[in-house]
Amino acid sequence: MNMFRALLCSLVVAAGALQLKEVAPLKGAMLARSWLGDAAEGDQKIGTREDGGIGALRYGDDLRRRENCQRGLKTYVDTALALAAADKSRGAGAPRKTATFAVLDGAGPNTLSMVKREDDGWTLLGLYCNPNERDLDVVADAEAETIGAIRDAAGVPLGFLGGVEETLVGSYGT
């Protein structure tokens, strides 16, 4: 486990139930960046290609979704780093309109999400599951639990930014 994951894992004390935790944008960016590396490694294996050559093979029934997740994670990192920079100029105590959340739970796959908070509703900007989890039923369950926890935290309607659905395994009435 690298230092960044250990730091993020220390933020959440497992209590047997899903715990949605708002994390500093920089910490979310660090975890997302490490997931990008995991995703790149997990999508490839070495073997014989169709042309007879030996090389990296991309595989999996959900390859398109995973590719969308990789693009989304890159955007997540860029946005989270911009939020971290903006935090330096934000007044002390002023609420952040865009928040990063993590669910770090030993019982299931971890998730990262980003939401925009407004008084009349929150918008889910992205939700990503640890790329090491390849069981789509488990990923769908983690997504559903995270979305439910965000809805509960919001207390106002939760919408989805266009394109978010392309990274999700399940359908959540967006």
Protein backbone atom coordinates (compact mmCIF):
# COMPACT_ATOMS: atom_id res chain seq x y z
CA MET A 1 0.00 0.00 0.00
CA ASN A 2 1.52 3.31 -0.99
CA MET A 3 1.71 6.31 1.32
CA PHE A 4 -1.22 8.12 -0.29
CA ARG A 5 -3.59 5.18 0.10
CA ALA A 6 -2.49 4.70 3.69
CA LEU A 7 -3.21 8.36 4.38
CA LEU A 8 -6.67 8.15 2.83
CA CYS A 9 -7.47 4.86 4.52
CA SER A 10 -6.63 6.45 7.85
CA LEU A 11 -9.44 8.99 7.27
CA VAL A 12 -12.20 6.44 7.66
CA VAL A 13 -12.74 4.14 10.59
CA ALA A 14 -14.69 1.12 9.42
CA ALA A 15 -17.85 0.62 11.43
CA GLY A 16 -19.43 -2.12 9.34
CA ALA A 17 -21.49 0.31 7.26
CA LEU A 18 -20.69 2.46 4.28
CA GLN A 19 -19.17 5.76 5.37
CA LEU A 20 -19.21 8.66 2.97
CA LYS A 21 -16.41 11.00 3.93
CA GLU A 22 -15.68 14.41 2.46
CA VAL A 23 -11.97 14.55 1.71
CA ALA A 24 -9.70 17.40 0.78
CA PRO A 25 -9.46 17.74 -3.01
CA LEU A 26 -5.71 17.12 -2.97
CA LYS A 27 -6.17 13.80 -1.15
CA GLY A 28 -8.88 12.78 -3.62
CA ALA A 29 -6.59 13.70 -6.51
CA MET A 30 -3.77 11.59 -5.08
CA LEU A 31 -6.01 8.54 -4.74
CA ALA A 32 -7.48 9.05 -8.23
CA ARG A 33 -3.99 9.32 -9.69
CA SER A 34 -2.98 6.02 -8.09
CA TRP A 35 -6.17 4.43 -9.44
CA LEU A 36 -5.24 5.60 -12.94
CA GLY A 37 -2.06 3.57 -12.67
CA ASP A 38 -3.98 0.55 -11.35
CA ALA A 39 -6.53 0.85 -14.16
CA ALA A 40 -3.86 0.96 -16.85
CA GLU A 41 -2.19 -2.15 -15.46
CA GLY A 42 -5.45 -4.02 -14.92
CA ASP A 43 -6.70 -3.55 -18.46
CA GLN A 44 -3.78 -5.28 -20.10
CA LYS A 45 -2.25 -8.70 -20.22
CA ILE A 46 0.51 -10.06 -22.41
CA GLY A 47 -0.43 -12.58 -25.06
CA THR A 48 -0.67 -13.37 -28.75
CA ARG A 49 -2.55 -10.71 -30.70
CA GLU A 50 -4.82 -11.45 -33.67
CA ASP A 51 -2.00 -10.46 -36.05
CA GLY A 52 0.21 -13.18 -34.51
CA GLY A 53 2.49 -10.76 -32.66
CA ILE A 54 3.13 -10.81 -28.95
CA GLY A 55 2.10 -7.77 -26.95
CA ALA A 56 -0.36 -6.16 -24.55
CA LEU A 57 -3.95 -7.24 -24.98
CA ARG A 58 -6.89 -5.13 -23.80
CA TYR A 59 -9.76 -7.25 -22.58
CA GLY A 60 -13.04 -7.42 -20.68
CA ASP A 61 -16.73 -7.13 -21.39
CA ASP A 62 -16.83 -3.69 -19.81
CA LEU A 63 -13.73 -2.31 -21.55
CA ARG A 64 -15.61 0.71 -22.95
CA ARG A 65 -16.89 1.67 -19.48
CA ARG A 66 -13.41 1.27 -17.99
CA GLU A 67 -11.95 3.48 -20.73
CA ASN A 68 -14.59 6.12 -19.91
CA CYS A 69 -13.66 5.78 -16.23
CA GLN A 70 -10.00 6.36 -17.04
CA ARG A 71 -10.86 9.55 -18.92
CA GLY A 72 -13.14 10.57 -16.05
CA LEU A 73 -10.45 9.91 -13.47
CA LYS A 74 -8.05 12.14 -15.42
CA THR A 75 -10.66 14.90 -15.34
CA TYR A 76 -11.25 14.20 -11.64
CA VAL A 77 -7.53 14.67 -10.90
CA ASP A 78 -7.37 17.93 -12.88
CA THR A 79 -10.52 19.29 -11.24
CA ALA A 80 -9.50 18.24 -7.74
CA LEU A 81 -6.08 19.89 -8.17
CA ALA A 82 -7.81 23.08 -9.34
CA LEU A 83 -10.09 22.91 -6.28
CA ALA A 84 -7.06 22.50 -4.04
CA ALA A 85 -5.49 25.60 -5.59
CA ALA A 86 -8.75 27.52 -5.20
CA ASP A 87 -8.93 26.52 -1.54
CA LYS A 88 -5.79 28.55 -0.90
CA SER A 89 -7.64 31.74 -1.86
CA ARG A 90 -11.02 30.79 -0.38
CA GLY A 91 -11.91 32.57 2.84
CA ALA A 92 -11.66 30.56 6.04
CA GLY A 93 -14.99 28.97 6.85
CA ALA A 94 -16.45 29.66 3.41
CA PRO A 95 -18.17 26.50 2.16
CA ARG A 96 -16.80 24.78 -0.90
CA LYS A 97 -19.45 24.41 -3.62
CA THR A 98 -17.71 21.46 -5.27
CA ALA A 99 -16.84 18.65 -2.90
CA THR A 100 -14.89 15.44 -3.20
CA PHE A 101 -16.06 12.36 -1.32
CA ALA A 102 -14.49 8.98 -0.69
CA VAL A 103 -15.89 5.73 0.59
CA LEU A 104 -12.99 3.71 1.92
CA ASP A 105 -14.34 0.51 3.38
CA GLY A 106 -12.59 -2.80 3.83
CA ALA A 107 -15.85 -4.70 3.22
CA GLY A 108 -16.30 -3.58 -0.38
CA PRO A 109 -14.69 -1.65 -3.19
CA ASN A 110 -13.73 1.94 -2.52
CA THR A 111 -15.31 4.81 -4.43
CA LEU A 112 -14.42 8.39 -5.23
CA SER A 113 -17.02 10.95 -6.19
CA MET A 114 -17.29 14.64 -6.85
CA VAL A 115 -20.44 16.72 -6.45
CA LYS A 116 -21.43 20.31 -6.99
CA ARG A 117 -23.50 21.58 -4.07
CA GLU A 118 -26.22 24.16 -4.59
CA ASP A 119 -29.04 25.10 -2.23
CA ASP A 120 -31.72 23.67 -4.54
CA GLY A 121 -29.89 20.48 -5.51
CA TRP A 122 -26.59 18.66 -5.83
CA THR A 123 -25.10 17.42 -9.10
CA LEU A 124 -22.98 14.29 -9.29
CA LEU A 125 -19.98 15.21 -11.43
CA GLY A 126 -18.30 11.81 -11.27
CA LEU A 127 -18.32 8.52 -9.41
CA TYR A 128 -15.52 6.00 -9.76
CA CYS A 129 -14.95 2.61 -8.19
CA ASN A 130 -11.54 1.14 -7.41
CA PRO A 131 -10.38 -0.28 -10.78
CA ASN A 132 -9.02 -3.42 -9.12
CA GLU A 133 -12.62 -4.59 -8.55
CA ARG A 134 -13.74 -6.40 -11.71
CA ASP A 135 -16.95 -8.07 -10.44
CA LEU A 136 -19.60 -5.86 -12.04
CA ASP A 137 -22.28 -6.83 -9.50
CA VAL A 138 -20.00 -5.71 -6.68
CA VAL A 139 -19.21 -2.46 -8.52
CA ALA A 140 -22.94 -1.80 -9.12
CA ASP A 141 -23.66 -2.36 -5.42
CA ALA A 142 -20.86 0.03 -4.41
CA GLU A 143 -22.16 2.65 -6.84
CA ALA A 144 -25.73 2.31 -5.56
CA GLU A 145 -24.63 2.59 -1.91
CA THR A 146 -22.47 5.63 -2.64
CA ILE A 147 -25.23 7.37 -4.60
CA GLY A 148 -27.66 6.63 -1.76
CA ALA A 149 -25.24 8.07 0.80
CA ILE A 150 -24.72 11.21 -1.31
CA ARG A 151 -28.50 11.62 -1.68
CA ASP A 152 -28.87 11.30 2.10
CA ALA A 153 -26.09 13.83 2.72
CA ALA A 154 -27.55 16.26 0.20
CA GLY A 155 -31.02 16.54 1.66
CA VAL A 156 -31.99 18.07 -1.70
CA PRO A 157 -32.46 16.49 -5.15
CA LEU A 158 -29.40 14.83 -6.68
CA GLY A 159 -28.89 15.18 -10.42
CA PHE A 160 -26.26 13.62 -12.67
CA LEU A 161 -23.97 15.53 -15.00
CA GLY A 162 -24.26 14.32 -18.59
CA GLY A 163 -21.69 11.64 -19.33
CA VAL A 164 -21.55 10.30 -15.77
CA GLU A 165 -23.77 7.37 -16.74
CA GLU A 166 -21.13 6.14 -19.20
CA THR A 167 -18.82 5.39 -16.27
CA LEU A 168 -21.42 3.61 -14.14
CA VAL A 169 -22.24 -0.09 -14.20
CA GLY A 170 -25.81 0.32 -12.96
CA SER A 171 -28.73 2.56 -13.85
CA TYR A 172 -29.86 4.88 -11.10
CA GLY A 173 -32.82 6.80 -12.48
CA THR A 174 -30.80 9.73 -13.76
